[in-house]
């Protein structure tokens, strides 16, 4: 049975969101390990702005 184009689009979008979420989780772990942001950008493919935003969010959730 052939899946509809809409189903394929939804499936693809879900896969892309999952990959993006996984990439962000990896970046957060790297940030928590103290890895240089430029290395995180290079390894994950995220932009420096995205990594900085994740870093700020991580700092906001750290116990003080």
N, C-alpha and C. Protein backbone atom coordinates (compact mmCIF):
# COMPACT_ATOMS: atom_id res chain seq x y z
N UNK A 1 0.84 -1.19 0.00
CA UNK A 1 0.00 0.00 0.00
C UNK A 1 0.88 1.25 0.00
N UNK A 2 0.56 2.16 -0.87
CA UNK A 2 1.32 3.41 -0.94
C UNK A 2 0.80 4.40 0.06
N UNK A 3 1.72 5.00 0.81
CA UNK A 3 1.31 6.01 1.77
C UNK A 3 1.07 7.33 1.05
N UNK A 4 0.19 8.11 1.61
CA UNK A 4 -0.12 9.39 0.98
C UNK A 4 1.05 10.36 1.13
N UNK A 5 1.06 11.35 0.29
CA UNK A 5 2.09 12.38 0.34
C UNK A 5 2.02 13.12 1.67
N UNK A 6 0.82 13.37 2.16
CA UNK A 6 0.65 14.06 3.44
C UNK A 6 1.25 13.23 4.56
N UNK A 7 1.00 11.93 4.56
CA UNK A 7 1.57 11.05 5.58
C UNK A 7 3.09 11.09 5.52
N UNK A 8 3.66 11.04 4.34
CA UNK A 8 5.11 11.09 4.17
C UNK A 8 5.68 12.42 4.68
N UNK A 9 4.97 13.52 4.41
CA UNK A 9 5.41 14.83 4.89
C UNK A 9 5.40 14.89 6.42
N UNK A 10 4.34 14.35 7.02
CA UNK A 10 4.23 14.34 8.48
C UNK A 10 5.33 13.47 9.08
N UNK A 11 5.55 12.33 8.50
CA UNK A 11 6.60 11.42 8.97
C UNK A 11 7.97 12.08 8.87
N UNK A 12 8.25 12.72 7.75
CA UNK A 12 9.54 13.40 7.56
C UNK A 12 9.72 14.52 8.57
N UNK A 13 8.67 15.29 8.79
CA UNK A 13 8.75 16.39 9.75
C UNK A 13 9.02 15.86 11.16
N UNK A 14 8.38 14.78 11.52
CA UNK A 14 8.62 14.17 12.83
C UNK A 14 10.04 13.67 12.98
N UNK A 15 10.57 13.06 11.94
CA UNK A 15 11.96 12.60 11.97
C UNK A 15 12.93 13.77 12.13
N UNK A 16 12.68 14.84 11.40
CA UNK A 16 13.55 16.01 11.48
C UNK A 16 13.50 16.64 12.87
N UNK A 17 12.32 16.69 13.48
CA UNK A 17 12.19 17.24 14.83
C UNK A 17 12.93 16.37 15.83
N UNK A 18 12.85 15.07 15.66
CA UNK A 18 13.56 14.16 16.55
C UNK A 18 15.06 14.31 16.43
N UNK A 19 15.54 14.46 15.23
CA UNK A 19 16.98 14.66 15.02
C UNK A 19 17.42 15.97 15.65
N UNK A 20 16.64 17.02 15.46
CA UNK A 20 16.98 18.33 16.02
C UNK A 20 17.01 18.26 17.55
N UNK A 21 16.03 17.59 18.14
CA UNK A 21 15.98 17.47 19.59
C UNK A 21 17.19 16.69 20.11
N UNK A 22 17.54 15.61 19.44
CA UNK A 22 18.70 14.82 19.82
C UNK A 22 19.99 15.63 19.71
N UNK A 23 20.12 16.41 18.66
CA UNK A 23 21.29 17.26 18.47
C UNK A 23 21.40 18.27 19.60
N UNK A 24 20.28 18.85 19.99
CA UNK A 24 20.29 19.82 21.09
C UNK A 24 20.66 19.16 22.41
N UNK A 25 20.18 17.95 22.64
CA UNK A 25 20.53 17.23 23.86
C UNK A 25 22.02 16.93 23.90
N UNK A 26 22.60 16.57 22.77
CA UNK A 26 24.04 16.32 22.70
C UNK A 26 24.80 17.62 22.98
N UNK A 27 24.35 18.72 22.40
CA UNK A 27 25.00 20.01 22.62
C UNK A 27 24.94 20.39 24.10
N UNK A 28 23.82 20.15 24.76
CA UNK A 28 23.68 20.47 26.18
C UNK A 28 24.66 19.64 27.00
N UNK A 29 24.80 18.38 26.68
CA UNK A 29 25.77 17.54 27.39
C UNK A 29 27.18 18.07 27.20
N UNK A 30 27.49 18.51 25.98
CA UNK A 30 28.81 19.05 25.71
C UNK A 30 29.04 20.35 26.48
N UNK A 31 28.02 21.19 26.53
CA UNK A 31 28.10 22.43 27.30
C UNK A 31 28.37 22.11 28.76
N UNK A 32 27.64 21.15 29.30
CA UNK A 32 27.81 20.77 30.70
C UNK A 32 29.19 20.20 30.99
N UNK A 33 29.86 19.65 29.98
CA UNK A 33 31.22 19.13 30.13
C UNK A 33 32.27 20.22 29.95
N UNK A 34 31.82 21.43 29.62
CA UNK A 34 32.74 22.54 29.48
C UNK A 34 33.46 22.60 28.13
N UNK A 35 32.90 21.95 27.15
CA UNK A 35 33.53 21.94 25.82
C UNK A 35 33.31 23.30 25.15
N UNK A 36 34.33 23.78 24.49
CA UNK A 36 34.31 25.06 23.81
C UNK A 36 33.13 25.14 22.84
N UNK A 37 32.46 26.30 22.85
CA UNK A 37 31.27 26.46 22.01
C UNK A 37 31.57 26.30 20.52
N UNK A 38 32.73 26.73 20.09
CA UNK A 38 33.07 26.60 18.68
C UNK A 38 33.20 25.12 18.28
N UNK A 39 33.68 24.30 19.19
CA UNK A 39 33.76 22.86 18.93
C UNK A 39 32.35 22.27 18.86
N UNK A 40 31.49 22.71 19.76
CA UNK A 40 30.10 22.22 19.76
C UNK A 40 29.42 22.57 18.45
N UNK A 41 29.63 23.78 17.97
CA UNK A 41 29.07 24.21 16.69
C UNK A 41 29.58 23.32 15.57
N UNK A 42 30.87 23.06 15.57
CA UNK A 42 31.49 22.24 14.52
C UNK A 42 30.96 20.81 14.55
N UNK A 43 30.83 20.24 15.74
CA UNK A 43 30.42 18.84 15.86
C UNK A 43 28.93 18.65 15.58
N UNK A 44 28.10 19.56 16.10
CA UNK A 44 26.65 19.36 16.01
C UNK A 44 26.03 19.95 14.75
N UNK A 45 26.69 20.95 14.16
CA UNK A 45 26.09 21.62 13.01
C UNK A 45 25.10 22.70 13.39
N UNK A 46 24.94 22.92 14.70
CA UNK A 46 24.08 24.02 15.15
C UNK A 46 24.80 25.34 14.91
N UNK A 47 24.05 26.43 14.89
CA UNK A 47 24.68 27.74 14.76
C UNK A 47 25.21 28.17 16.13
N UNK A 48 26.11 29.13 16.13
CA UNK A 48 26.63 29.64 17.39
C UNK A 48 25.50 30.24 18.23
N UNK A 49 24.54 30.87 17.56
CA UNK A 49 23.40 31.46 18.27
C UNK A 49 22.57 30.38 18.96
N UNK A 50 22.35 29.26 18.27
CA UNK A 50 21.59 28.16 18.87
C UNK A 50 22.31 27.59 20.08
N UNK A 51 23.62 27.44 19.97
CA UNK A 51 24.40 26.88 21.07
C UNK A 51 24.42 27.86 22.25
N UNK A 52 24.56 29.14 21.96
CA UNK A 52 24.54 30.14 23.03
C UNK A 52 23.19 30.16 23.75
N UNK A 53 22.13 30.00 22.99
CA UNK A 53 20.79 29.96 23.59
C UNK A 53 20.66 28.74 24.50
N UNK A 54 21.14 27.59 24.04
CA UNK A 54 21.11 26.38 24.87
C UNK A 54 21.97 26.57 26.12
N UNK A 55 23.10 27.24 25.97
CA UNK A 55 23.98 27.50 27.11
C UNK A 55 23.26 28.38 28.13
N UNK A 56 22.58 29.41 27.67
CA UNK A 56 21.84 30.30 28.57
C UNK A 56 20.73 29.54 29.29
N UNK A 57 20.04 28.68 28.56
CA UNK A 57 18.97 27.88 29.17
C UNK A 57 19.54 26.93 30.21
N UNK A 58 20.70 26.36 29.91
CA UNK A 58 21.35 25.44 30.83
C UNK A 58 21.77 26.15 32.10
N UNK A 59 22.31 27.36 31.94
CA UNK A 59 22.72 28.14 33.11
C UNK A 59 21.53 28.54 33.96
N UNK A 60 20.38 28.80 33.31
CA UNK A 60 19.17 29.17 34.04
C UNK A 60 18.63 28.02 34.87
N UNK A 61 18.91 26.78 34.48
CA UNK A 61 18.36 25.62 35.20
C UNK A 61 19.34 25.05 36.21
N UNK A 62 20.57 25.59 36.26
CA UNK A 62 21.57 25.09 37.20
C UNK A 62 21.21 25.55 38.61
N UNK A 63 21.32 24.66 39.62
CA UNK A 63 21.07 25.08 40.99
C UNK A 63 22.13 26.09 41.44
N UNK A 64 21.69 27.03 42.23
CA UNK A 64 22.62 28.07 42.67
C UNK A 64 23.03 27.92 44.09
